[in-house]
């Protein structure tokens, strides 16, 4: 029986694109550049600061972009939860999990100094059974160690858990950890990417569809 569910953060649990892109455009404005295309930037959000800076400052070399990482993160950290919110229907999912006592947690590559205050600002930190950030351990996704650590912290084997994500590295990490894997099609990926080709056990188009997956039937509302 399924004993816990872990979520990726950006593009899976939370729609963080508005604030992450706003920080990028603020930095671009300081360099006298126009706002970047929102759709193109949204597709890069799961790749974090590196992906957004590569898109927003493609005319710079790698070293110059790396020098912009701290200024970008400073701007983002100052406005973490202005436009960010759980994806539509996700709070209903979390409520259903809480109602039946099924623990859920977060495993993300986002650093802890951003992850923890963001979850706190959205009143999710206290509800989250475990939070593994990108710098919690020496290795991060696609390595399975963060997921194995999350399961172990709850006293569970990975086979008793599920991981939900919106990027190929999420599914790779989950499969390597021996978890049930779910790819979400509503997350941050370009039109050329097909989550159905990532090798996940399941795909869902909305958060609500999670409650219909095998092992989660007890969370569904009665007819």
Foldseek 3Di string as FASTA:
>chain_A
DAQEEEEADDFTFKPQLVLLQVLLQVVCVVVVHHRDDSLVQQLQPLVPLQSNLCRSPVVDDPVVSVVCSVVSVVSSLVPRVPPMDTFPPSVVVLVLCVVVVRAYAYAYQADPSRVQVNCVVHVNNVRHPDYHYNPNDPHGFLALVSVCVVQVVVVHQQCSYEYEYADLRSQSNSVVSNHQYEHEPRGRHDPVDDPVPSPHPYYYPGSVCVCVDPPNVSSDDDD
